[in-house]
Amino acid sequence: MREKLIESKLVKGIKSRGGLCLKFVSPSFNGVPDRLVLMPNGRMAFVETKATGKTLRALQERRKKQLEILGFKVYCLNDENSVEEVINEIQSV
């Protein structure tokens, strides 16, 4: 499945649960995840979407580790069947 379709399913799923799924762009800091997910009750996470079977690039892996060291949850979503699972996990963090 294409990245755009997985990302669209994520955005719709987050919105349906009362959250925001903001496109995250940092012009001076490459490799950051695609989406900043903000859920009710102060839950948040970063999500990088990829086409089915694709994985993070080396720079994206480094950024993921940097964010995780700071205490943030970071997900790589490359399977449409995992969208609900990731949303559930973000809500329970």
PDB file of N, CA and C in Angstrom:
ATOM      1  N   MET A   1       0.836  -1.175   0.000  1.00  0.00           N
ATOM      2  CA  MET A   1       0.000   0.000   0.000  1.00  0.00           C
ATOM      3  C   MET A   1       0.887   1.246   0.000  1.00  0.00           C
ATOM      4  N   ARG A   2       0.449   2.260  -0.676  1.00  0.00           N
ATOM      5  CA  ARG A   2       1.211   3.506  -0.773  1.00  0.00           C
ATOM      6  C   ARG A   2       1.204   4.268   0.543  1.00  0.00           C
ATOM      7  N   GLU A   3       2.282   5.001   0.774  1.00  0.00           N
ATOM      8  CA  GLU A   3       2.441   5.797   1.997  1.00  0.00           C
ATOM      9  C   GLU A   3       1.274   6.758   2.202  1.00  0.00           C
ATOM     10  N   LYS A   4       0.863   7.396   1.135  1.00  0.00           N
ATOM     11  CA  LYS A   4      -0.208   8.394   1.231  1.00  0.00           C
ATOM     12  C   LYS A   4      -1.506   7.772   1.762  1.00  0.00           C
ATOM     13  N   LEU A   5      -1.805   6.564   1.357  1.00  0.00           N
ATOM     14  CA  LEU A   5      -3.032   5.898   1.800  1.00  0.00           C
ATOM     15  C   LEU A   5      -2.944   5.509   3.276  1.00  0.00           C
ATOM     16  N   ILE A   6      -1.775   5.045   3.709  1.00  0.00           N
ATOM     17  CA  ILE A   6      -1.575   4.707   5.121  1.00  0.00           C
ATOM     18  C   ILE A   6      -1.682   5.973   5.964  1.00  0.00           C
ATOM     19  N   GLU A   7      -1.062   7.045   5.497  1.00  0.00           N
ATOM     20  CA  GLU A   7      -1.108   8.314   6.209  1.00  0.00           C
ATOM     21  C   GLU A   7      -2.552   8.830   6.310  1.00  0.00           C
ATOM     22  N   SER A   8      -3.307   8.712   5.239  1.00  0.00           N
ATOM     23  CA  SER A   8      -4.706   9.147   5.226  1.00  0.00           C
ATOM     24  C   SER A   8      -5.539   8.357   6.236  1.00  0.00           C
ATOM     25  N   LYS A   9      -5.315   7.059   6.299  1.00  0.00           N
ATOM     26  CA  LYS A   9      -6.043   6.218   7.250  1.00  0.00           C
ATOM     27  C   LYS A   9      -5.684   6.617   8.689  1.00  0.00           C
ATOM     28  N   LEU A  10      -4.417   6.935   8.933  1.00  0.00           N
ATOM     29  CA  LEU A  10      -3.986   7.388  10.252  1.00  0.00           C
ATOM     30  C   LEU A  10      -4.681   8.692  10.632  1.00  0.00           C
ATOM     31  N   VAL A  11      -4.674   9.664   9.722  1.00  0.00           N
ATOM     32  CA  VAL A  11      -5.285  10.966   9.986  1.00  0.00           C
ATOM     33  C   VAL A  11      -6.772  10.803  10.308  1.00  0.00           C
ATOM     34  N   LYS A  12      -7.481  10.016   9.512  1.00  0.00           N
ATOM     35  CA  LYS A  12      -8.916   9.795   9.748  1.00  0.00           C
ATOM     36  C   LYS A  12      -9.177   9.100  11.077  1.00  0.00           C
ATOM     37  N   GLY A  13      -8.339   8.118  11.396  1.00  0.00           N
ATOM     38  CA  GLY A  13      -8.501   7.380  12.647  1.00  0.00           C
ATOM     39  C   GLY A  13      -8.268   8.261  13.867  1.00  0.00           C
ATOM     40  N   ILE A  14      -7.249   9.101  13.804  1.00  0.00           N
ATOM     41  CA  ILE A  14      -6.958  10.016  14.914  1.00  0.00           C
ATOM     42  C   ILE A  14      -8.096  11.025  15.068  1.00  0.00           C
ATOM     43  N   LYS A  15      -8.551  11.584  13.963  1.00  0.00           N
ATOM     44  CA  LYS A  15      -9.639  12.574  13.995  1.00  0.00           C
ATOM     45  C   LYS A  15     -10.914  11.958  14.570  1.00  0.00           C
ATOM     46  N   SER A  16     -11.209  10.714  14.190  1.00  0.00           N
ATOM     47  CA  SER A  16     -12.435  10.065  14.665  1.00  0.00           C
ATOM     48  C   SER A  16     -12.424   9.830  16.177  1.00  0.00           C
ATOM     49  N   ARG A  17     -11.247   9.870  16.781  1.00  0.00           N
ATOM     50  CA  ARG A  17     -11.121   9.686  18.230  1.00  0.00           C
ATOM     51  C   ARG A  17     -10.898  11.014  18.960  1.00  0.00           C
ATOM     52  N   GLY A  18     -11.122  12.108  18.247  1.00  0.00           N
ATOM     53  CA  GLY A  18     -11.043  13.418  18.876  1.00  0.00           C
ATOM     54  C   GLY A  18      -9.652  14.020  18.949  1.00  0.00           C
ATOM     55  N   GLY A  19      -8.725  13.465  18.184  1.00  0.00           N
ATOM     56  CA  GLY A  19      -7.351  13.960  18.212  1.00  0.00           C
ATOM     57  C   GLY A  19      -6.994  14.777  16.988  1.00  0.00           C
ATOM     58  N   LEU A  20      -5.751  15.233  16.986  1.00  0.00           N
ATOM     59  CA  LEU A  20      -5.185  15.959  15.853  1.00  0.00           C
ATOM     60  C   LEU A  20      -3.990  15.177  15.323  1.00  0.00           C
ATOM     61  N   CYS A  21      -3.863  15.138  14.023  1.00  0.00           N
ATOM     62  CA  CYS A  21      -2.743  14.451  13.387  1.00  0.00           C
ATOM     63  C   CYS A  21      -2.073  15.477  12.464  1.00  0.00           C
ATOM     64  N   LEU A  22      -1.199  16.267  13.042  1.00  0.00           N
ATOM     65  CA  LEU A  22      -0.599  17.402  12.349  1.00  0.00           C
ATOM     66  C   LEU A  22       0.583  17.002  11.494  1.00  0.00           C
ATOM     67  N   LYS A  23       0.626  17.552  10.288  1.00  0.00           N
ATOM     68  CA  LYS A  23       1.795  17.364   9.428  1.00  0.00           C
ATOM     69  C   LYS A  23       2.950  18.097  10.097  1.00  0.00           C
ATOM     70  N   PHE A  24       4.052  17.396  10.310  1.00  0.00           N
ATOM     71  CA  PHE A  24       5.185  17.964  11.030  1.00  0.00           C
ATOM     72  C   PHE A  24       6.336  18.178  10.058  1.00  0.00           C
ATOM     73  N   VAL A  25       6.760  19.438   9.924  1.00  0.00           N
ATOM     74  CA  VAL A  25       7.869  19.787   9.036  1.00  0.00           C
ATOM     75  C   VAL A  25       8.840  20.651   9.828  1.00  0.00           C
ATOM     76  N   SER A  26      10.097  20.323   9.769  1.00  0.00           N
ATOM     77  CA  SER A  26      11.121  21.103  10.445  1.00  0.00           C
ATOM     78  C   SER A  26      12.216  21.419   9.424  1.00  0.00           C
ATOM     79  N   PRO A  27      12.135  22.578   8.787  1.00  0.00           N
ATOM     80  CA  PRO A  27      13.050  22.906   7.690  1.00  0.00           C
ATOM     81  C   PRO A  27      14.541  22.806   8.040  1.00  0.00           C
ATOM     82  N   SER A  28      14.894  23.091   9.280  1.00  0.00           N
ATOM     83  CA  SER A  28      16.316  23.077   9.626  1.00  0.00           C
ATOM     84  C   SER A  28      16.737  21.801  10.350  1.00  0.00           C
ATOM     85  N   PHE A  29      15.845  20.812  10.408  1.00  0.00           N
ATOM     86  CA  PHE A  29      16.140  19.580  11.145  1.00  0.00           C
ATOM     87  C   PHE A  29      15.585  18.403  10.350  1.00  0.00           C
ATOM     88  N   ASN A  30      16.355  17.908   9.412  1.00  0.00           N
ATOM     89  CA  ASN A  30      15.910  16.835   8.514  1.00  0.00           C
ATOM     90  C   ASN A  30      15.713  15.513   9.251  1.00  0.00           C
ATOM     91  N   GLY A  31      14.864  14.671   8.692  1.00  0.00           N
ATOM     92  CA  GLY A  31      14.679  13.325   9.203  1.00  0.00           C
ATOM     93  C   GLY A  31      13.633  13.172  10.285  1.00  0.00           C
ATOM     94  N   VAL A  32      12.903  14.254  10.587  1.00  0.00           N
ATOM     95  CA  VAL A  32      11.865  14.153  11.624  1.00  0.00           C
ATOM     96  C   VAL A  32      10.653  13.394  11.086  1.00  0.00           C
ATOM     97  N   PRO A  33       9.877  12.774  11.973  1.00  0.00           N
ATOM     98  CA  PRO A  33       8.693  12.026  11.534  1.00  0.00           C
ATOM     99  C   PRO A  33       7.675  12.913  10.811  1.00  0.00           C
ATOM    100  N   ASP A  34       6.841  12.270   9.984  1.00  0.00           N
ATOM    101  CA  ASP A  34       5.839  12.968   9.172  1.00  0.00           C
ATOM    102  C   ASP A  34       4.747  13.641   9.989  1.00  0.00           C
ATOM    103  N   ARG A  35       4.316  12.981  11.056  1.00  0.00           N
ATOM    104  CA  ARG A  35       3.128  13.420  11.774  1.00  0.00           C
ATOM    105  C   ARG A  35       3.369  13.556  13.276  1.00  0.00           C
ATOM    106  N   LEU A  36       2.759  14.591  13.834  1.00  0.00           N
ATOM    107  CA  LEU A  36       2.708  14.799  15.272  1.00  0.00           C
ATOM    108  C   LEU A  36       1.272  14.501  15.680  1.00  0.00           C
ATOM    109  N   VAL A  37       1.090  13.480  16.498  1.00  0.00           N
ATOM    110  CA  VAL A  37      -0.247  13.046  16.897  1.00  0.00           C
ATOM    111  C   VAL A  37      -0.532  13.555  18.301  1.00  0.00           C
ATOM    112  N   LEU A  38      -1.626  14.304  18.434  1.00  0.00           N
ATOM    113  CA  LEU A  38      -2.056  14.861  19.708  1.00  0.00           C
ATOM    114  C   LEU A  38      -3.438  14.304  20.027  1.00  0.00           C
ATOM    115  N   MET A  39      -3.525  13.603  21.155  1.00  0.00           N
ATOM    116  CA  MET A  39      -4.770  12.942  21.537  1.00  0.00           C
ATOM    117  C   MET A  39      -5.322  13.552  22.823  1.00  0.00           C
ATOM    118  N   PRO A  40      -6.619  13.334  23.082  1.00  0.00           N
ATOM    119  CA  PRO A  40      -7.191  13.813  24.341  1.00  0.00           C
ATOM    120  C   PRO A  40      -6.390  13.306  25.547  1.00  0.00           C
ATOM    121  N   ASN A  41      -6.487  14.042  26.634  1.00  0.00           N
ATOM    122  CA  ASN A  41      -5.798  13.723  27.889  1.00  0.00           C
ATOM    123  C   ASN A  41      -4.282  13.866  27.790  1.00  0.00           C
ATOM    124  N   GLY A  42      -3.816  14.705  26.873  1.00  0.00           N
ATOM    125  CA  GLY A  42      -2.394  15.013  26.791  1.00  0.00           C
ATOM    126  C   GLY A  42      -1.521  13.921  26.203  1.00  0.00           C
ATOM    127  N   ARG A  43      -2.101  12.989  25.506  1.00  0.00           N
ATOM    128  CA  ARG A  43      -1.312  11.915  24.878  1.00  0.00           C
ATOM    129  C   ARG A  43      -0.736  12.426  23.564  1.00  0.00           C
ATOM    130  N   MET A  44       0.530  12.099  23.307  1.00  0.00           N
ATOM    131  CA  MET A  44       1.131  12.516  22.041  1.00  0.00           C
ATOM    132  C   MET A  44       2.189  11.532  21.590  1.00  0.00           C
ATOM    133  N   ALA A  45       2.460  11.554  20.294  1.00  0.00           N
ATOM    134  CA  ALA A  45       3.490  10.702  19.709  1.00  0.00           C
ATOM    135  C   ALA A  45       3.853  11.253  18.332  1.00  0.00           C
ATOM    136  N   PHE A  46       4.975  10.798  17.836  1.00  0.00           N
ATOM    137  CA  PHE A  46       5.401  11.103  16.471  1.00  0.00           C
ATOM    138  C   PHE A  46       5.192   9.852  15.633  1.00  0.00           C
ATOM    139  N   VAL A  47       4.753  10.022  14.389  1.00  0.00           N
ATOM    140  CA  VAL A  47       4.544   8.877  13.498  1.00  0.00           C
ATOM    141  C   VAL A  47       5.158   9.173  12.136  1.00  0.00           C
ATOM    142  N   GLU A  48       6.002   8.261  11.685  1.00  0.00           N
ATOM    143  CA  GLU A  48       6.556   8.295  10.335  1.00  0.00           C
ATOM    144  C   GLU A  48       5.795   7.261   9.525  1.00  0.00           C
ATOM    145  N   THR A  49       5.190   7.675   8.426  1.00  0.00           N
ATOM    146  CA  THR A  49       4.485   6.726   7.573  1.00  0.00           C
ATOM    147  C   THR A  49       5.375   6.355   6.392  1.00  0.00           C
ATOM    148  N   LYS A  50       5.271   5.091   6.008  1.00  0.00           N
ATOM    149  CA  LYS A  50       6.043   4.540   4.895  1.00  0.00           C
ATOM    150  C   LYS A  50       5.130   3.646   4.064  1.00  0.00           C
ATOM    151  N   ALA A  51       5.497   3.450   2.827  1.00  0.00           N
ATOM    152  CA  ALA A  51       4.770   2.494   1.990  1.00  0.00           C
ATOM    153  C   ALA A  51       4.978   1.093   2.583  1.00  0.00           C
ATOM    154  N   THR A  52       4.052   0.209   2.302  1.00  0.00           N
ATOM    155  CA  THR A  52       4.128  -1.155   2.815  1.00  0.00           C
ATOM    156  C   THR A  52       5.496  -1.769   2.529  1.00  0.00           C
ATOM    157  N   GLY A  53       6.103  -2.297   3.575  1.00  0.00           N
ATOM    158  CA  GLY A  53       7.395  -2.968   3.449  1.00  0.00           C
ATOM    159  C   GLY A  53       8.608  -2.057   3.516  1.00  0.00           C
ATOM    160  N   LYS A  54       8.408  -0.747   3.460  1.00  0.00           N
ATOM    161  CA  LYS A  54       9.537   0.193   3.522  1.00  0.00           C
ATOM    162  C   LYS A  54       9.916   0.445   4.980  1.00  0.00           C
ATOM    163  N   THR A  55      11.178   0.831   5.203  1.00  0.00           N
ATOM    164  CA  THR A  55      11.672   1.089   6.557  1.00  0.00           C
ATOM    165  C   THR A  55      12.293   2.476   6.636  1.00  0.00           C
ATOM    166  N   LEU A  56      12.644   2.866   7.850  1.00  0.00           N
ATOM    167  CA  LEU A  56      13.245   4.176   8.068  1.00  0.00           C
ATOM    168  C   LEU A  56      14.642   4.260   7.448  1.00  0.00           C
ATOM    169  N   ARG A  57      14.969   5.446   6.926  1.00  0.00           N
ATOM    170  CA  ARG A  57      16.323   5.706   6.443  1.00  0.00           C
ATOM    171  C   ARG A  57      17.229   5.903   7.663  1.00  0.00           C
ATOM    172  N   ALA A  58      18.527   5.879   7.461  1.00  0.00           N
ATOM    173  CA  ALA A  58      19.488   5.995   8.562  1.00  0.00           C
ATOM    174  C   ALA A  58      19.269   7.286   9.368  1.00  0.00           C
ATOM    175  N   LEU A  59      19.086   8.412   8.687  1.00  0.00           N
ATOM    176  CA  LEU A  59      18.868   9.671   9.392  1.00  0.00           C
ATOM    177  C   LEU A  59      17.571   9.633  10.192  1.00  0.00           C
ATOM    178  N   GLN A  60      16.533   9.022   9.633  1.00  0.00           N
ATOM    179  CA  GLN A  60      15.260   8.909  10.346  1.00  0.00           C
ATOM    180  C   GLN A  60      15.402   8.032  11.591  1.00  0.00           C
ATOM    181  N   GLU A  61      16.210   6.992  11.504  1.00  0.00           N
ATOM    182  CA  GLU A  61      16.481   6.140  12.671  1.00  0.00           C
ATOM    183  C   GLU A  61      17.169   6.938  13.768  1.00  0.00           C
ATOM    184  N   ARG A  62      18.125   7.790  13.379  1.00  0.00           N
ATOM    185  CA  ARG A  62      18.822   8.627  14.362  1.00  0.00           C
ATOM    186  C   ARG A  62      17.858   9.605  15.031  1.00  0.00           C
ATOM    187  N   ARG A  63      16.996  10.239  14.231  1.00  0.00           N
ATOM    188  CA  ARG A  63      16.019  11.175  14.793  1.00  0.00           C
ATOM    189  C   ARG A  63      15.048  10.450  15.730  1.00  0.00           C
ATOM    190  N   LYS A  64      14.626   9.252  15.337  1.00  0.00           N
ATOM    191  CA  LYS A  64      13.730   8.442  16.178  1.00  0.00           C
ATOM    192  C   LYS A  64      14.383   8.199  17.531  1.00  0.00           C
ATOM    193  N   LYS A  65      15.639   7.797  17.528  1.00  0.00           N
ATOM    194  CA  LYS A  65      16.355   7.534  18.782  1.00  0.00           C
ATOM    195  C   LYS A  65      16.509   8.803  19.612  1.00  0.00           C
ATOM    196  N   GLN A  66      16.782   9.929  18.956  1.00  0.00           N
ATOM    197  CA  GLN A  66      16.898  11.198  19.683  1.00  0.00           C
ATOM    198  C   GLN A  66      15.596  11.541  20.400  1.00  0.00           C
ATOM    199  N   LEU A  67      14.482  11.399  19.699  1.00  0.00           N
ATOM    200  CA  LEU A  67      13.174  11.704  20.284  1.00  0.00           C
ATOM    201  C   LEU A  67      12.831  10.728  21.413  1.00  0.00           C
ATOM    202  N   GLU A  68      13.162   9.466  21.229  1.00  0.00           N
ATOM    203  CA  GLU A  68      12.883   8.465  22.259  1.00  0.00           C
ATOM    204  C   GLU A  68      13.725   8.707  23.516  1.00  0.00           C
ATOM    205  N   ILE A  69      14.963   9.138  23.339  1.00  0.00           N
ATOM    206  CA  ILE A  69      15.811   9.474  24.491  1.00  0.00           C
ATOM    207  C   ILE A  69      15.188  10.602  25.300  1.00  0.00           C
ATOM    208  N   LEU A  70      14.504  11.517  24.617  1.00  0.00           N
ATOM    209  CA  LEU A  70      13.819  12.621  25.292  1.00  0.00           C
ATOM    210  C   LEU A  70      12.503  12.187  25.939  1.00  0.00           C
ATOM    211  N   GLY A  71      12.109  10.930  25.711  1.00  0.00           N
ATOM    212  CA  GLY A  71      10.907  10.396  26.343  1.00  0.00           C
ATOM    213  C   GLY A  71       9.673  10.350  25.477  1.00  0.00           C
ATOM    214  N   PHE A  72       9.807  10.670  24.182  1.00  0.00           N
ATOM    215  CA  PHE A  72       8.655  10.658  23.282  1.00  0.00           C
ATOM    216  C   PHE A  72       8.491   9.292  22.624  1.00  0.00           C
ATOM    217  N   LYS A  73       7.249   8.928  22.349  1.00  0.00           N
ATOM    218  CA  LYS A  73       6.955   7.718  21.583  1.00  0.00           C
ATOM    219  C   LYS A  73       7.068   8.056  20.100  1.00  0.00           C
ATOM    220  N   VAL A  74       7.722   7.180  19.344  1.00  0.00           N
ATOM    221  CA  VAL A  74       7.892   7.372  17.907  1.00  0.00           C
ATOM    222  C   VAL A  74       7.561   6.048  17.221  1.00  0.00           C
ATOM    223  N   TYR A  75       6.698   6.120  16.222  1.00  0.00           N
ATOM    224  CA  TYR A  75       6.263   4.922  15.504  1.00  0.00           C
ATOM    225  C   TYR A  75       6.596   5.040  14.029  1.00  0.00           C
ATOM    226  N   CYS A  76       6.935   3.909  13.419  1.00  0.00           N
ATOM    227  CA  CYS A  76       7.055   3.816  11.967  1.00  0.00           C
ATOM    228  C   CYS A  76       5.885   2.953  11.513  1.00  0.00           C
ATOM    229  N   LEU A  77       4.996   3.543  10.747  1.00  0.00           N
ATOM    230  CA  LEU A  77       3.768   2.871  10.324  1.00  0.00           C
ATOM    231  C   LEU A  77       3.875   2.556   8.836  1.00  0.00           C
ATOM    232  N   ASN A  78       4.022   1.268   8.519  1.00  0.00           N
ATOM    233  CA  ASN A  78       4.173   0.863   7.115  1.00  0.00           C
ATOM    234  C   ASN A  78       3.218  -0.266   6.731  1.00  0.00           C
ATOM    235  N   ASP A  79       2.126  -0.361   7.481  1.00  0.00           N
ATOM    236  CA  ASP A  79       1.145  -1.407   7.223  1.00  0.00           C
ATOM    237  C   ASP A  79      -0.227  -0.884   7.642  1.00  0.00           C
ATOM    238  N   GLU A  80      -1.152  -0.826   6.716  1.00  0.00           N
ATOM    239  CA  GLU A  80      -2.476  -0.273   7.029  1.00  0.00           C
ATOM    240  C   GLU A  80      -3.178  -1.055   8.128  1.00  0.00           C
ATOM    241  N   ASN A  81      -2.865  -2.321   8.277  1.00  0.00           N
ATOM    242  CA  ASN A  81      -3.501  -3.142   9.311  1.00  0.00           C
ATOM    243  C   ASN A  81      -3.012  -2.780  10.710  1.00  0.00           C
ATOM    244  N   SER A  82      -1.931  -2.035  10.807  1.00  0.00           N
ATOM    245  CA  SER A  82      -1.380  -1.637  12.108  1.00  0.00           C
ATOM    246  C   SER A  82      -1.851  -0.262  12.568  1.00  0.00           C
ATOM    247  N   VAL A  83      -2.609   0.433  11.741  1.00  0.00           N
ATOM    248  CA  VAL A  83      -3.031   1.801  12.073  1.00  0.00           C
ATOM    249  C   VAL A  83      -3.807   1.827  13.382  1.00  0.00           C
ATOM    250  N   GLU A  84      -4.821   0.991  13.520  1.00  0.00           N
ATOM    251  CA  GLU A  84      -5.644   0.981  14.737  1.00  0.00           C
ATOM    252  C   GLU A  84      -4.806   0.599  15.957  1.00  0.00           C
ATOM    253  N   GLU A  85      -3.913  -0.344  15.790  1.00  0.00           N
ATOM    254  CA  GLU A  85      -3.038  -0.774  16.888  1.00  0.00           C
ATOM    255  C   GLU A  85      -2.168   0.385  17.381  1.00  0.00           C
ATOM    256  N   VAL A  86      -1.608   1.151  16.457  1.00  0.00           N
ATOM    257  CA  VAL A  86      -0.763   2.293  16.815  1.00  0.00           C
ATOM    258  C   VAL A  86      -1.605   3.364  17.513  1.00  0.00           C
ATOM    259  N   ILE A  87      -2.786   3.640  16.987  1.00  0.00           N
ATOM    260  CA  ILE A  87      -3.671   4.639  17.613  1.00  0.00           C
ATOM    261  C   ILE A  87      -4.037   4.205  19.033  1.00  0.00           C
ATOM    262  N   ASN A  88      -4.369   2.937  19.204  1.00  0.00           N
ATOM    263  CA  ASN A  88      -4.706   2.417  20.544  1.00  0.00           C
ATOM    264  C   ASN A  88      -3.531   2.585  21.499  1.00  0.00           C
ATOM    265  N   GLU A  89      -2.335   2.305  21.012  1.00  0.00           N
ATOM    266  CA  GLU A  89      -1.152   2.409  21.861  1.00  0.00           C
ATOM    267  C   GLU A  89      -0.885   3.859  22.242  1.00  0.00           C
ATOM    268  N   ILE A  90      -1.040   4.779  21.298  1.00  0.00           N
ATOM    269  CA  ILE A  90      -0.837   6.190  21.595  1.00  0.00           C
ATOM    270  C   ILE A  90      -1.827   6.650  22.661  1.00  0.00           C
ATOM    271  N   GLN A  91      -3.069   6.219  22.546  1.00  0.00           N
ATOM    272  CA  GLN A  91      -4.085   6.616  23.517  1.00  0.00           C
ATOM    273  C   GLN A  91      -3.803   6.069  24.904  1.00  0.00           C
ATOM    274  N   SER A  92      -3.093   4.961  24.990  1.00  0.00           N
ATOM    275  CA  SER A  92      -2.854   4.343  26.297  1.00  0.00           C
ATOM    276  C   SER A  92      -1.523   4.749  26.912  1.00  0.00           C
ATOM    277  N   VAL A  93      -0.720   5.535  26.201  1.00  0.00           N
ATOM    278  CA  VAL A  93       0.601   5.939  26.705  1.00  0.00           C
ATOM    279  C   VAL A  93       0.444   6.833  27.905  1.00  0.00           C
TER     280      VAL A  93
END
